[in-house]
């Protein structure tokens, strides 16, 4: 599997876009802190894209702009051709953060049903959808348990199931596995890829972990230090989709990790990855 690095100014291919960001800028604190500058990116339908960069580079801010939880100072953000605001109103995306954010007084099934309940979906339909998602997440036997009775990884699976309740065509995820131990994190990565594959949802995923970004993603978007700009885009081709192969132990995978690490350092080493193409 080859890995390529492309110039961020190269136009994206003409594909159906789940997310389209055009010249996004964001300034905080009465103009004293510029978090993002001139960020343009297209995420295709069904594509898995990770955002990675140094702390404070604006990764989470960019995700929040897509989710209409922050308003850009300049530029535009659209989700499936709609404004970010309209996409939020229409619930065209699901969102998950590092903390699962489950309601302790609701059962696992009731937590998953919450978005449907808020949209007044009939009870029978809510229960059927919840049962479907819990089966997909491998949590059917825990439907009547409460969050405090679950492990951290299981809580995150519930949060992902809840994010999928309205059948969104886009998942926005901000370090959802950051607090998990390594073994649980790897299992959850596999679960996420399986769920995204079965639903066909596009994913925009924020992480600090280079191996995680390489394993999960079709493309890894590397942001510079603040103000965040796209410095390079590393195309990895979706290593984790090859479930029958232990890709994390392959020399090609390590080479892809090296390519992203080099991009983060601002290096352009043509030997970092076999087949790497640097314009």
C-alpha atoms as a PDB file:
ATOM      1  CA  UNK A   1       0.000   0.000   0.000  1.00  0.00           C
ATOM      2  CA  UNK A   2       1.575   3.299  -1.087  1.00  0.00           C
ATOM      3  CA  UNK A   3       1.556   6.581   0.765  1.00  0.00           C
ATOM      4  CA  UNK A   4       1.673   9.966  -0.941  1.00  0.00           C
ATOM      5  CA  UNK A   5       2.005  13.517   0.244  1.00  0.00           C
ATOM      6  CA  UNK A   6       0.219  16.174  -1.743  1.00  0.00           C
ATOM      7  CA  UNK A   7       0.420  19.931  -1.867  1.00  0.00           C
ATOM      8  CA  UNK A   8      -2.534  21.341   0.148  1.00  0.00           C
ATOM      9  CA  UNK A   9      -3.091  23.924  -2.584  1.00  0.00           C
ATOM     10  CA  UNK A  10      -3.796  21.191  -5.157  1.00  0.00           C
ATOM     11  CA  UNK A  11      -7.519  21.214  -5.998  1.00  0.00           C
ATOM     12  CA  UNK A  12      -9.449  18.205  -4.701  1.00  0.00           C
ATOM     13  CA  UNK A  13     -10.958  15.847  -7.263  1.00  0.00           C
ATOM     14  CA  UNK A  14     -14.546  16.482  -8.314  1.00  0.00           C
ATOM     15  CA  UNK A  15     -16.386  14.214  -5.877  1.00  0.00           C
ATOM     16  CA  UNK A  16     -19.500  14.421  -3.746  1.00  0.00           C
ATOM     17  CA  UNK A  17     -18.407  16.384  -0.680  1.00  0.00           C
ATOM     18  CA  UNK A  18     -19.429  15.556   2.870  1.00  0.00           C
ATOM     19  CA  UNK A  19     -17.520  18.631   4.081  1.00  0.00           C
ATOM     20  CA  UNK A  20     -16.231  21.605   2.122  1.00  0.00           C
ATOM     21  CA  UNK A  21     -14.107  24.212   3.891  1.00  0.00           C
ATOM     22  CA  UNK A  22     -13.106  27.300   1.947  1.00  0.00           C
ATOM     23  CA  UNK A  23     -10.476  29.732   3.280  1.00  0.00           C
ATOM     24  CA  UNK A  24     -11.468  29.255   6.923  1.00  0.00           C
ATOM     25  CA  UNK A  25      -9.960  31.666   9.436  1.00  0.00           C
ATOM     26  CA  UNK A  26     -10.670  31.971  13.149  1.00  0.00           C
ATOM     27  CA  UNK A  27      -9.544  34.664  15.569  1.00  0.00           C
ATOM     28  CA  UNK A  28     -10.270  34.693  19.318  1.00  0.00           C
ATOM     29  CA  UNK A  29      -9.905  37.172  22.181  1.00  0.00           C
ATOM     30  CA  UNK A  30     -10.755  40.388  20.374  1.00  0.00           C
ATOM     31  CA  UNK A  31      -8.314  39.653  17.578  1.00  0.00           C
ATOM     32  CA  UNK A  32      -5.323  38.795  19.750  1.00  0.00           C
ATOM     33  CA  UNK A  33      -5.213  35.039  19.022  1.00  0.00           C
ATOM     34  CA  UNK A  34      -5.431  33.669  15.495  1.00  0.00           C
ATOM     35  CA  UNK A  35      -6.258  29.979  15.729  1.00  0.00           C
ATOM     36  CA  UNK A  36      -6.729  29.176  12.033  1.00  0.00           C
ATOM     37  CA  UNK A  37      -5.672  30.868   8.817  1.00  0.00           C
ATOM     38  CA  UNK A  38      -6.874  30.198   5.266  1.00  0.00           C
ATOM     39  CA  UNK A  39      -7.820  26.515   5.698  1.00  0.00           C
ATOM     40  CA  UNK A  40      -9.436  24.893   2.659  1.00  0.00           C
ATOM     41  CA  UNK A  41     -10.317  21.200   2.615  1.00  0.00           C
ATOM     42  CA  UNK A  42     -12.816  18.870   0.953  1.00  0.00           C
ATOM     43  CA  UNK A  43     -13.861  15.588   2.569  1.00  0.00           C
ATOM     44  CA  UNK A  44     -15.590  13.192   0.187  1.00  0.00           C
ATOM     45  CA  UNK A  45     -18.676  11.189   1.101  1.00  0.00           C
ATOM     46  CA  UNK A  46     -17.589   8.025   2.903  1.00  0.00           C
ATOM     47  CA  UNK A  47     -14.002   9.237   3.348  1.00  0.00           C
ATOM     48  CA  UNK A  48     -12.101   8.994   6.647  1.00  0.00           C
ATOM     49  CA  UNK A  49      -9.920  12.074   7.235  1.00  0.00           C
ATOM     50  CA  UNK A  50      -7.823  12.721  10.341  1.00  0.00           C
ATOM     51  CA  UNK A  51      -6.603  16.120  11.516  1.00  0.00           C
ATOM     52  CA  UNK A  52      -3.249  16.087  13.282  1.00  0.00           C
ATOM     53  CA  UNK A  53      -0.825  18.756  14.416  1.00  0.00           C
ATOM     54  CA  UNK A  54       0.879  20.294  17.453  1.00  0.00           C
ATOM     55  CA  UNK A  55      -1.175  21.275  20.502  1.00  0.00           C
ATOM     56  CA  UNK A  56      -2.959  24.576  19.977  1.00  0.00           C
ATOM     57  CA  UNK A  57      -2.874  24.377  16.180  1.00  0.00           C
ATOM     58  CA  UNK A  58      -6.658  24.640  15.849  1.00  0.00           C
ATOM     59  CA  UNK A  59      -7.643  21.006  15.151  1.00  0.00           C
ATOM     60  CA  UNK A  60     -10.554  21.008  17.585  1.00  0.00           C
ATOM     61  CA  UNK A  61     -11.556  24.536  16.568  1.00  0.00           C
ATOM     62  CA  UNK A  62     -11.771  23.418  12.938  1.00  0.00           C
ATOM     63  CA  UNK A  63     -13.962  20.462  13.935  1.00  0.00           C
ATOM     64  CA  UNK A  64     -16.201  22.749  15.978  1.00  0.00           C
ATOM     65  CA  UNK A  65     -16.571  25.075  12.978  1.00  0.00           C
ATOM     66  CA  UNK A  66     -17.756  22.133  10.860  1.00  0.00           C
ATOM     67  CA  UNK A  67     -20.224  21.279  13.653  1.00  0.00           C
ATOM     68  CA  UNK A  68     -21.418  24.903  13.903  1.00  0.00           C
ATOM     69  CA  UNK A  69     -20.227  25.052  17.518  1.00  0.00           C
ATOM     70  CA  UNK A  70     -17.863  27.883  16.511  1.00  0.00           C
ATOM     71  CA  UNK A  71     -18.346  30.552  13.850  1.00  0.00           C
ATOM     72  CA  UNK A  72     -15.412  31.222  11.507  1.00  0.00           C
ATOM     73  CA  UNK A  73     -14.048  34.746  11.367  1.00  0.00           C
ATOM     74  CA  UNK A  74     -13.580  34.315   7.626  1.00  0.00           C
ATOM     75  CA  UNK A  75     -14.360  31.724   4.981  1.00  0.00           C
ATOM     76  CA  UNK A  76     -17.236  29.277   4.618  1.00  0.00           C
ATOM     77  CA  UNK A  77     -18.033  25.746   5.805  1.00  0.00           C
ATOM     78  CA  UNK A  78     -20.636  23.517   4.184  1.00  0.00           C
ATOM     79  CA  UNK A  79     -21.836  20.002   5.049  1.00  0.00           C
ATOM     80  CA  UNK A  80     -23.356  18.068   2.156  1.00  0.00           C
ATOM     81  CA  UNK A  81     -23.943  21.339   0.360  1.00  0.00           C
ATOM     82  CA  UNK A  82     -25.687  23.028   3.294  1.00  0.00           C
ATOM     83  CA  UNK A  83     -24.400  25.721   5.600  1.00  0.00           C
ATOM     84  CA  UNK A  84     -22.917  24.348   8.813  1.00  0.00           C
ATOM     85  CA  UNK A  85     -25.812  25.929  10.704  1.00  0.00           C
ATOM     86  CA  UNK A  86     -28.450  24.208   8.569  1.00  0.00           C
ATOM     87  CA  UNK A  87     -26.613  20.885   8.764  1.00  0.00           C
ATOM     88  CA  UNK A  88     -26.657  21.149  12.571  1.00  0.00           C
ATOM     89  CA  UNK A  89     -30.378  21.944  12.596  1.00  0.00           C
ATOM     90  CA  UNK A  90     -31.026  19.001  10.263  1.00  0.00           C
ATOM     91  CA  UNK A  91     -28.694  16.762  12.321  1.00  0.00           C
ATOM     92  CA  UNK A  92     -26.725  15.713   9.258  1.00  0.00           C
ATOM     93  CA  UNK A  93     -23.789  14.697  11.447  1.00  0.00           C
ATOM     94  CA  UNK A  94     -23.094  12.832  14.660  1.00  0.00           C
ATOM     95  CA  UNK A  95     -20.446  14.047  17.061  1.00  0.00           C
ATOM     96  CA  UNK A  96     -18.331  12.342  19.730  1.00  0.00           C
ATOM     97  CA  UNK A  97     -15.720  13.818  22.081  1.00  0.00           C
ATOM     98  CA  UNK A  98     -12.960  12.404  24.288  1.00  0.00           C
ATOM     99  CA  UNK A  99     -15.437  12.140  27.145  1.00  0.00           C
ATOM    100  CA  UNK A 100     -18.375   9.898  26.263  1.00  0.00           C
ATOM    101  CA  UNK A 101     -20.825  12.397  27.788  1.00  0.00           C
ATOM    102  CA  UNK A 102     -23.455   9.811  28.649  1.00  0.00           C
ATOM    103  CA  UNK A 103     -26.311  10.657  31.020  1.00  0.00           C
ATOM    104  CA  UNK A 104     -25.702   8.663  34.197  1.00  0.00           C
ATOM    105  CA  UNK A 105     -29.408   8.363  35.062  1.00  0.00           C
ATOM    106  CA  UNK A 106     -30.358   6.847  31.711  1.00  0.00           C
ATOM    107  CA  UNK A 107     -29.728   3.271  30.674  1.00  0.00           C
ATOM    108  CA  UNK A 108     -27.438   2.454  27.766  1.00  0.00           C
ATOM    109  CA  UNK A 109     -30.446   2.008  25.466  1.00  0.00           C
ATOM    110  CA  UNK A 110     -32.021   5.258  26.679  1.00  0.00           C
ATOM    111  CA  UNK A 111     -28.762   7.139  26.048  1.00  0.00           C
ATOM    112  CA  UNK A 112     -28.667   5.870  22.471  1.00  0.00           C
ATOM    113  CA  UNK A 113     -32.314   6.816  21.989  1.00  0.00           C
ATOM    114  CA  UNK A 114     -31.851  10.366  23.275  1.00  0.00           C
ATOM    115  CA  UNK A 115     -31.352  12.125  19.890  1.00  0.00           C
ATOM    116  CA  UNK A 116     -34.398  10.323  18.542  1.00  0.00           C
ATOM    117  CA  UNK A 117     -36.437  11.233  21.608  1.00  0.00           C
ATOM    118  CA  UNK A 118     -35.488  14.898  21.227  1.00  0.00           C
ATOM    119  CA  UNK A 119     -36.810  14.738  17.659  1.00  0.00           C
ATOM    120  CA  UNK A 120     -40.032  13.085  18.814  1.00  0.00           C
ATOM    121  CA  UNK A 121     -39.468   9.835  16.984  1.00  0.00           C
ATOM    122  CA  UNK A 122     -42.142   7.335  18.140  1.00  0.00           C
ATOM    123  CA  UNK A 123     -41.098   5.060  20.984  1.00  0.00           C
ATOM    124  CA  UNK A 124     -41.301   1.834  18.972  1.00  0.00           C
ATOM    125  CA  UNK A 125     -39.017   3.267  16.280  1.00  0.00           C
ATOM    126  CA  UNK A 126     -36.592   4.579  18.907  1.00  0.00           C
ATOM    127  CA  UNK A 127     -36.322   1.191  20.558  1.00  0.00           C
ATOM    128  CA  UNK A 128     -35.854  -0.595  17.253  1.00  0.00           C
ATOM    129  CA  UNK A 129     -33.083   1.793  16.187  1.00  0.00           C
ATOM    130  CA  UNK A 130     -31.380   1.573  19.576  1.00  0.00           C
ATOM    131  CA  UNK A 131     -31.456  -2.233  19.454  1.00  0.00           C
ATOM    132  CA  UNK A 132     -29.977  -2.166  15.944  1.00  0.00           C
ATOM    133  CA  UNK A 133     -27.119   0.122  16.966  1.00  0.00           C
ATOM    134  CA  UNK A 134     -26.328  -1.735  20.186  1.00  0.00           C
ATOM    135  CA  UNK A 135     -26.110  -4.963  18.229  1.00  0.00           C
ATOM    136  CA  UNK A 136     -23.772  -3.268  15.764  1.00  0.00           C
ATOM    137  CA  UNK A 137     -21.616  -2.026  18.660  1.00  0.00           C
ATOM    138  CA  UNK A 138     -21.635  -5.409  20.397  1.00  0.00           C
ATOM    139  CA  UNK A 139     -23.540  -4.088  23.415  1.00  0.00           C
ATOM    140  CA  UNK A 140     -26.931  -5.774  23.180  1.00  0.00           C
ATOM    141  CA  UNK A 141     -26.581  -7.516  26.555  1.00  0.00           C
ATOM    142  CA  UNK A 142     -25.812  -4.179  28.237  1.00  0.00           C
ATOM    143  CA  UNK A 143     -28.891  -2.309  26.976  1.00  0.00           C
ATOM    144  CA  UNK A 144     -30.441  -2.067  30.456  1.00  0.00           C
ATOM    145  CA  UNK A 145     -27.212  -1.222  32.288  1.00  0.00           C
ATOM    146  CA  UNK A 146     -26.180   2.268  33.369  1.00  0.00           C
ATOM    147  CA  UNK A 147     -23.006   4.059  32.242  1.00  0.00           C
ATOM    148  CA  UNK A 148     -21.299   3.628  35.626  1.00  0.00           C
ATOM    149  CA  UNK A 149     -21.497  -0.139  35.121  1.00  0.00           C
ATOM    150  CA  UNK A 150     -19.504  -0.019  31.862  1.00  0.00           C
ATOM    151  CA  UNK A 151     -15.804   0.228  31.107  1.00  0.00           C
ATOM    152  CA  UNK A 152     -14.432   3.345  29.418  1.00  0.00           C
ATOM    153  CA  UNK A 153     -14.246   1.580  26.051  1.00  0.00           C
ATOM    154  CA  UNK A 154     -17.821   0.366  26.328  1.00  0.00           C
ATOM    155  CA  UNK A 155     -18.995   3.872  27.206  1.00  0.00           C
ATOM    156  CA  UNK A 156     -17.299   5.184  24.072  1.00  0.00           C
ATOM    157  CA  UNK A 157     -19.052   2.539  21.992  1.00  0.00           C
ATOM    158  CA  UNK A 158     -22.354   3.746  23.444  1.00  0.00           C
ATOM    159  CA  UNK A 159     -21.412   7.340  22.574  1.00  0.00           C
ATOM    160  CA  UNK A 160     -20.617   6.324  18.997  1.00  0.00           C
ATOM    161  CA  UNK A 161     -23.893   4.421  18.756  1.00  0.00           C
ATOM    162  CA  UNK A 162     -25.727   7.517  20.018  1.00  0.00           C
ATOM    163  CA  UNK A 163     -23.917   9.654  17.433  1.00  0.00           C
ATOM    164  CA  UNK A 164     -25.233   7.311  14.728  1.00  0.00           C
ATOM    165  CA  UNK A 165     -28.822   7.272  15.988  1.00  0.00           C
ATOM    166  CA  UNK A 166     -30.163   9.667  13.358  1.00  0.00           C
ATOM    167  CA  UNK A 167     -28.247   7.856  10.588  1.00  0.00           C
ATOM    168  CA  UNK A 168     -25.883  10.766   9.910  1.00  0.00           C
ATOM    169  CA  UNK A 169     -23.813  10.765   6.761  1.00  0.00           C
ATOM    170  CA  UNK A 170     -20.951  12.395   8.683  1.00  0.00           C
ATOM    171  CA  UNK A 171     -19.218  11.659  12.004  1.00  0.00           C
ATOM    172  CA  UNK A 172     -17.184  14.369  13.746  1.00  0.00           C
ATOM    173  CA  UNK A 173     -14.860  12.954  16.399  1.00  0.00           C
ATOM    174  CA  UNK A 174     -12.525  14.861  18.712  1.00  0.00           C
ATOM    175  CA  UNK A 175      -9.995  12.465  20.280  1.00  0.00           C
ATOM    176  CA  UNK A 176     -12.702   9.976  21.268  1.00  0.00           C
ATOM    177  CA  UNK A 177     -10.146   7.334  22.295  1.00  0.00           C
ATOM    178  CA  UNK A 178      -7.596   9.610  23.937  1.00  0.00           C
ATOM    179  CA  UNK A 179      -8.348   8.493  27.514  1.00  0.00           C
ATOM    180  CA  UNK A 180      -8.315   4.746  26.781  1.00  0.00           C
ATOM    181  CA  UNK A 181      -5.529   2.246  27.383  1.00  0.00           C
ATOM    182  CA  UNK A 182      -3.678   1.077  24.276  1.00  0.00           C
ATOM    183  CA  UNK A 183      -5.384  -2.310  23.908  1.00  0.00           C
ATOM    184  CA  UNK A 184      -8.866  -0.830  24.315  1.00  0.00           C
ATOM    185  CA  UNK A 185      -7.937   1.983  21.954  1.00  0.00           C
ATOM    186  CA  UNK A 186      -6.939  -0.465  19.228  1.00  0.00           C
ATOM    187  CA  UNK A 187     -10.169  -2.435  19.656  1.00  0.00           C
ATOM    188  CA  UNK A 188     -12.186   0.782  19.441  1.00  0.00           C
ATOM    189  CA  UNK A 189     -10.351   1.822  16.291  1.00  0.00           C
ATOM    190  CA  UNK A 190     -11.442  -1.429  14.686  1.00  0.00           C
ATOM    191  CA  UNK A 191     -15.012  -0.936  15.902  1.00  0.00           C
ATOM    192  CA  UNK A 192     -15.119   2.587  14.473  1.00  0.00           C
ATOM    193  CA  UNK A 193     -13.861   1.446  11.078  1.00  0.00           C
ATOM    194  CA  UNK A 194     -16.394  -1.366  11.031  1.00  0.00           C
ATOM    195  CA  UNK A 195     -19.281   0.926  11.960  1.00  0.00           C
ATOM    196  CA  UNK A 196     -18.230   3.637   9.500  1.00  0.00           C
ATOM    197  CA  UNK A 197     -17.889   1.005   6.777  1.00  0.00           C
ATOM    198  CA  UNK A 198     -21.326  -0.450   7.463  1.00  0.00           C
ATOM    199  CA  UNK A 199     -23.040   2.942   7.546  1.00  0.00           C
ATOM    200  CA  UNK A 200     -21.060   4.616   4.755  1.00  0.00           C
ATOM    201  CA  UNK A 201     -20.537   7.717   6.908  1.00  0.00           C
ATOM    202  CA  UNK A 202     -17.682  10.105   6.250  1.00  0.00           C
ATOM    203  CA  UNK A 203     -15.503  10.744   9.309  1.00  0.00           C
ATOM    204  CA  UNK A 204     -13.468  13.790  10.372  1.00  0.00           C
ATOM    205  CA  UNK A 205     -11.284  12.655  13.258  1.00  0.00           C
ATOM    206  CA  UNK A 206      -9.014  14.745  15.511  1.00  0.00           C
ATOM    207  CA  UNK A 207      -6.095  12.937  17.142  1.00  0.00           C
ATOM    208  CA  UNK A 208      -2.621  13.521  18.567  1.00  0.00           C
ATOM    209  CA  UNK A 209      -1.560   9.956  17.720  1.00  0.00           C
ATOM    210  CA  UNK A 210       0.321   9.525  14.443  1.00  0.00           C
ATOM    211  CA  UNK A 211      -0.154   5.703  14.301  1.00  0.00           C
ATOM    212  CA  UNK A 212      -3.867   6.122  15.013  1.00  0.00           C
ATOM    213  CA  UNK A 213      -4.252   8.687  12.229  1.00  0.00           C
ATOM    214  CA  UNK A 214      -2.373   6.493   9.741  1.00  0.00           C
ATOM    215  CA  UNK A 215      -4.293   3.345  10.684  1.00  0.00           C
ATOM    216  CA  UNK A 216      -7.751   4.878  10.465  1.00  0.00           C
ATOM    217  CA  UNK A 217      -7.526   7.351   7.639  1.00  0.00           C
ATOM    218  CA  UNK A 218      -7.744   7.581   3.901  1.00  0.00           C
ATOM    219  CA  UNK A 219      -5.954  10.919   4.275  1.00  0.00           C
ATOM    220  CA  UNK A 220      -4.109  12.570   7.155  1.00  0.00           C
ATOM    221  CA  UNK A 221      -4.312  16.369   7.164  1.00  0.00           C
ATOM    222  CA  UNK A 222      -1.263  17.891   8.860  1.00  0.00           C
ATOM    223  CA  UNK A 223      -1.783  21.326  10.423  1.00  0.00           C
ATOM    224  CA  UNK A 224       1.023  23.741  11.243  1.00  0.00           C
ATOM    225  CA  UNK A 225       1.593  25.379  14.609  1.00  0.00           C
ATOM    226  CA  UNK A 226      -0.747  28.289  15.396  1.00  0.00           C
ATOM    227  CA  UNK A 227      -2.102  29.874  13.399  1.00  0.00           C
ATOM    228  CA  UNK A 228      -3.171  26.518  11.997  1.00  0.00           C
ATOM    229  CA  UNK A 229      -2.760  26.059   8.275  1.00  0.00           C
ATOM    230  CA  UNK A 230      -2.754  22.870   6.230  1.00  0.00           C
ATOM    231  CA  UNK A 231       0.915  22.217   5.652  1.00  0.00           C
ATOM    232  CA  UNK A 232       0.610  18.811   3.961  1.00  0.00           C
ATOM    233  CA  UNK A 233      -1.921  16.068   3.252  1.00  0.00           C
ATOM    234  CA  UNK A 234      -0.692  12.484   3.486  1.00  0.00           C
ATOM    235  CA  UNK A 235      -2.767   9.927   1.573  1.00  0.00           C
ATOM    236  CA  UNK A 236      -2.504   6.536   3.251  1.00  0.00           C
ATOM    237  CA  UNK A 237      -5.308   4.648   1.540  1.00  0.00           C
ATOM    238  CA  UNK A 238      -7.091   3.290   4.604  1.00  0.00           C
ATOM    239  CA  UNK A 239      -4.715   0.812   6.258  1.00  0.00           C
ATOM    240  CA  UNK A 240      -7.228  -0.296   8.882  1.00  0.00           C
ATOM    241  CA  UNK A 241      -9.769  -1.388   6.286  1.00  0.00           C
ATOM    242  CA  UNK A 242      -7.598  -4.442   5.570  1.00  0.00           C
ATOM    243  CA  UNK A 243      -8.916  -6.379   8.569  1.00  0.00           C
ATOM    244  CA  UNK A 244      -7.305  -9.659   7.501  1.00  0.00           C
ATOM    245  CA  UNK A 245      -3.771  -8.320   7.784  1.00  0.00           C
ATOM    246  CA  UNK A 246      -1.779  -7.196  10.834  1.00  0.00           C
ATOM    247  CA  UNK A 247      -0.892  -3.924   9.148  1.00  0.00           C
ATOM    248  CA  UNK A 248       0.466  -2.279  12.308  1.00  0.00           C
ATOM    249  CA  UNK A 249       3.443  -4.656  12.226  1.00  0.00           C
ATOM    250  CA  UNK A 250       4.308  -4.112   8.571  1.00  0.00           C
ATOM    251  CA  UNK A 251       7.265  -2.100   7.371  1.00  0.00           C
ATOM    252  CA  UNK A 252       4.947  -0.209   5.027  1.00  0.00           C
ATOM    253  CA  UNK A 253       2.827   0.939   7.967  1.00  0.00           C
ATOM    254  CA  UNK A 254       5.913   2.153   9.840  1.00  0.00           C
ATOM    255  CA  UNK A 255       6.974   3.986   6.691  1.00  0.00           C
ATOM    256  CA  UNK A 256       3.581   5.696   6.498  1.00  0.00           C
ATOM    257  CA  UNK A 257       3.902   6.754  10.155  1.00  0.00           C
ATOM    258  CA  UNK A 258       7.352   8.141   9.312  1.00  0.00           C
ATOM    259  CA  UNK A 259       5.857  10.131   6.424  1.00  0.00           C
ATOM    260  CA  UNK A 260       3.330  11.833   8.711  1.00  0.00           C
ATOM    261  CA  UNK A 261       5.986  12.463  11.346  1.00  0.00           C
ATOM    262  CA  UNK A 262       8.193  14.069   8.696  1.00  0.00           C
ATOM    263  CA  UNK A 263       5.276  16.218   7.547  1.00  0.00           C
ATOM    264  CA  UNK A 264       4.679  17.359  11.138  1.00  0.00           C
ATOM    265  CA  UNK A 265       8.344  18.364  11.367  1.00  0.00           C
ATOM    266  CA  UNK A 266       8.165  20.178   8.056  1.00  0.00           C
ATOM    267  CA  UNK A 267      10.595  17.738   6.478  1.00  0.00           C
ATOM    268  CA  UNK A 268      10.459  16.543   2.878  1.00  0.00           C
ATOM    269  CA  UNK A 269      12.301  13.241   2.892  1.00  0.00           C
ATOM    270  CA  UNK A 270      11.546  11.394  -0.335  1.00  0.00           C
ATOM    271  CA  UNK A 271      12.895   8.207   1.257  1.00  0.00           C
ATOM    272  CA  UNK A 272      10.502   8.271   4.226  1.00  0.00           C
ATOM    273  CA  UNK A 273       7.958   6.130   2.404  1.00  0.00           C
ATOM    274  CA  UNK A 274       8.398   3.861  -0.538  1.00  0.00           C
ATOM    275  CA  UNK A 275       6.367   5.264  -3.391  1.00  0.00           C
ATOM    276  CA  UNK A 276       5.890   8.615  -1.689  1.00  0.00           C
ATOM    277  CA  UNK A 277       5.216  11.393  -4.158  1.00  0.00           C
ATOM    278  CA  UNK A 278       6.178  14.894  -3.116  1.00  0.00           C
ATOM    279  CA  UNK A 279       5.252  17.537  -5.707  1.00  0.00           C
END
